[in-house]
């Protein structure tokens, strides 16, 4: 198993263990956070960029991104 493949398997396993689910339509990993008794929700998205790096986005359910961070392998 080469190093890049092993890294991908490790990252995807970590995402699943932290409650992310893969959204096949959007091609990213996502988990939902809610507050105020479920009245407000935010999506936390982990997405792999074209250059192979990972970014974390916080966005509204309608798709408005209000936070972005390059995370490399530090997915939390």
C-alpha atoms as a PDB file:
ATOM      1  CA  UNK A   1       0.000   0.000   0.000  1.00  0.00           C
ATOM      2  CA  UNK A   2       1.565   3.318  -0.994  1.00  0.00           C
ATOM      3  CA  UNK A   3       1.804   6.282   1.395  1.00  0.00           C
ATOM      4  CA  UNK A   4      -0.812   8.471  -0.362  1.00  0.00           C
ATOM      5  CA  UNK A   5      -3.419   5.717  -0.335  1.00  0.00           C
ATOM      6  CA  UNK A   6      -2.684   4.920   3.306  1.00  0.00           C
ATOM      7  CA  UNK A   7      -3.071   8.627   4.187  1.00  0.00           C
ATOM      8  CA  UNK A   8      -6.467   8.773   2.434  1.00  0.00           C
ATOM      9  CA  UNK A   9      -7.723   5.672   4.235  1.00  0.00           C
ATOM     10  CA  UNK A  10      -6.544   7.098   7.563  1.00  0.00           C
ATOM     11  CA  UNK A  11      -8.197  10.494   6.989  1.00  0.00           C
ATOM     12  CA  UNK A  12     -11.487   8.975   5.830  1.00  0.00           C
ATOM     13  CA  UNK A  13     -11.543   6.621   8.822  1.00  0.00           C
ATOM     14  CA  UNK A  14     -10.889   9.553  11.142  1.00  0.00           C
ATOM     15  CA  UNK A  15     -13.701  11.569   9.574  1.00  0.00           C
ATOM     16  CA  UNK A  16     -16.160   8.681   9.985  1.00  0.00           C
ATOM     17  CA  UNK A  17     -15.104   8.172  13.613  1.00  0.00           C
ATOM     18  CA  UNK A  18     -15.806  11.853  14.317  1.00  0.00           C
ATOM     19  CA  UNK A  19     -19.348  11.679  12.936  1.00  0.00           C
ATOM     20  CA  UNK A  20     -18.820  12.992   9.413  1.00  0.00           C
ATOM     21  CA  UNK A  21     -20.793  11.438   6.565  1.00  0.00           C
ATOM     22  CA  UNK A  22     -19.789  11.521   2.917  1.00  0.00           C
ATOM     23  CA  UNK A  23     -22.110  13.596   0.713  1.00  0.00           C
ATOM     24  CA  UNK A  24     -21.699  11.955  -2.705  1.00  0.00           C
ATOM     25  CA  UNK A  25     -23.572  14.712  -4.538  1.00  0.00           C
ATOM     26  CA  UNK A  26     -21.361  17.495  -3.167  1.00  0.00           C
ATOM     27  CA  UNK A  27     -18.213  15.324  -2.892  1.00  0.00           C
ATOM     28  CA  UNK A  28     -17.345  16.344   0.657  1.00  0.00           C
ATOM     29  CA  UNK A  29     -17.568  15.038   4.210  1.00  0.00           C
ATOM     30  CA  UNK A  30     -20.098  16.787   6.444  1.00  0.00           C
ATOM     31  CA  UNK A  31     -21.467  16.780   9.967  1.00  0.00           C
ATOM     32  CA  UNK A  32     -24.246  18.973  11.323  1.00  0.00           C
ATOM     33  CA  UNK A  33     -24.230  21.009  14.511  1.00  0.00           C
ATOM     34  CA  UNK A  34     -27.359  22.496  16.059  1.00  0.00           C
ATOM     35  CA  UNK A  35     -28.108  24.992  18.812  1.00  0.00           C
ATOM     36  CA  UNK A  36     -31.064  26.724  20.409  1.00  0.00           C
ATOM     37  CA  UNK A  37     -32.961  23.486  20.765  1.00  0.00           C
ATOM     38  CA  UNK A  38     -32.363  22.567  17.127  1.00  0.00           C
ATOM     39  CA  UNK A  39     -33.634  25.896  15.772  1.00  0.00           C
ATOM     40  CA  UNK A  40     -30.290  26.786  14.193  1.00  0.00           C
ATOM     41  CA  UNK A  41     -27.946  24.472  12.330  1.00  0.00           C
ATOM     42  CA  UNK A  42     -24.457  24.779  10.911  1.00  0.00           C
ATOM     43  CA  UNK A  43     -22.634  22.366   8.625  1.00  0.00           C
ATOM     44  CA  UNK A  44     -19.015  21.490   9.278  1.00  0.00           C
ATOM     45  CA  UNK A  45     -17.464  20.337   6.010  1.00  0.00           C
ATOM     46  CA  UNK A  46     -14.144  18.635   5.297  1.00  0.00           C
ATOM     47  CA  UNK A  47     -13.216  18.888   1.636  1.00  0.00           C
ATOM     48  CA  UNK A  48     -10.180  17.758  -0.309  1.00  0.00           C
ATOM     49  CA  UNK A  49      -8.891  20.424  -2.697  1.00  0.00           C
ATOM     50  CA  UNK A  50      -7.616  19.829  -6.221  1.00  0.00           C
ATOM     51  CA  UNK A  51      -4.026  19.970  -4.941  1.00  0.00           C
ATOM     52  CA  UNK A  52      -4.720  17.135  -2.486  1.00  0.00           C
ATOM     53  CA  UNK A  53      -4.917  19.180   0.702  1.00  0.00           C
ATOM     54  CA  UNK A  54      -7.818  19.205   3.160  1.00  0.00           C
ATOM     55  CA  UNK A  55      -9.864  22.256   4.200  1.00  0.00           C
ATOM     56  CA  UNK A  56     -12.489  22.658   6.889  1.00  0.00           C
ATOM     57  CA  UNK A  57     -15.464  24.900   6.153  1.00  0.00           C
ATOM     58  CA  UNK A  58     -18.272  26.071   8.391  1.00  0.00           C
ATOM     59  CA  UNK A  59     -21.370  26.918   6.405  1.00  0.00           C
ATOM     60  CA  UNK A  60     -25.091  27.449   6.640  1.00  0.00           C
ATOM     61  CA  UNK A  61     -27.431  24.781   5.274  1.00  0.00           C
ATOM     62  CA  UNK A  62     -28.048  27.114   2.301  1.00  0.00           C
ATOM     63  CA  UNK A  63     -24.332  27.017   1.413  1.00  0.00           C
ATOM     64  CA  UNK A  64     -23.031  30.332   2.792  1.00  0.00           C
ATOM     65  CA  UNK A  65     -19.435  29.738   3.968  1.00  0.00           C
ATOM     66  CA  UNK A  66     -18.538  31.855   6.992  1.00  0.00           C
ATOM     67  CA  UNK A  67     -15.304  30.150   8.077  1.00  0.00           C
ATOM     68  CA  UNK A  68     -12.557  28.309   6.180  1.00  0.00           C
ATOM     69  CA  UNK A  69      -9.289  26.815   7.336  1.00  0.00           C
ATOM     70  CA  UNK A  70      -6.576  24.746   5.660  1.00  0.00           C
ATOM     71  CA  UNK A  71      -6.213  21.746   7.948  1.00  0.00           C
ATOM     72  CA  UNK A  72      -3.835  19.359   6.214  1.00  0.00           C
ATOM     73  CA  UNK A  73      -3.939  16.176   8.293  1.00  0.00           C
ATOM     74  CA  UNK A  74      -5.175  17.921  11.466  1.00  0.00           C
ATOM     75  CA  UNK A  75      -8.850  17.088  11.069  1.00  0.00           C
ATOM     76  CA  UNK A  76     -10.680  17.442  14.365  1.00  0.00           C
END
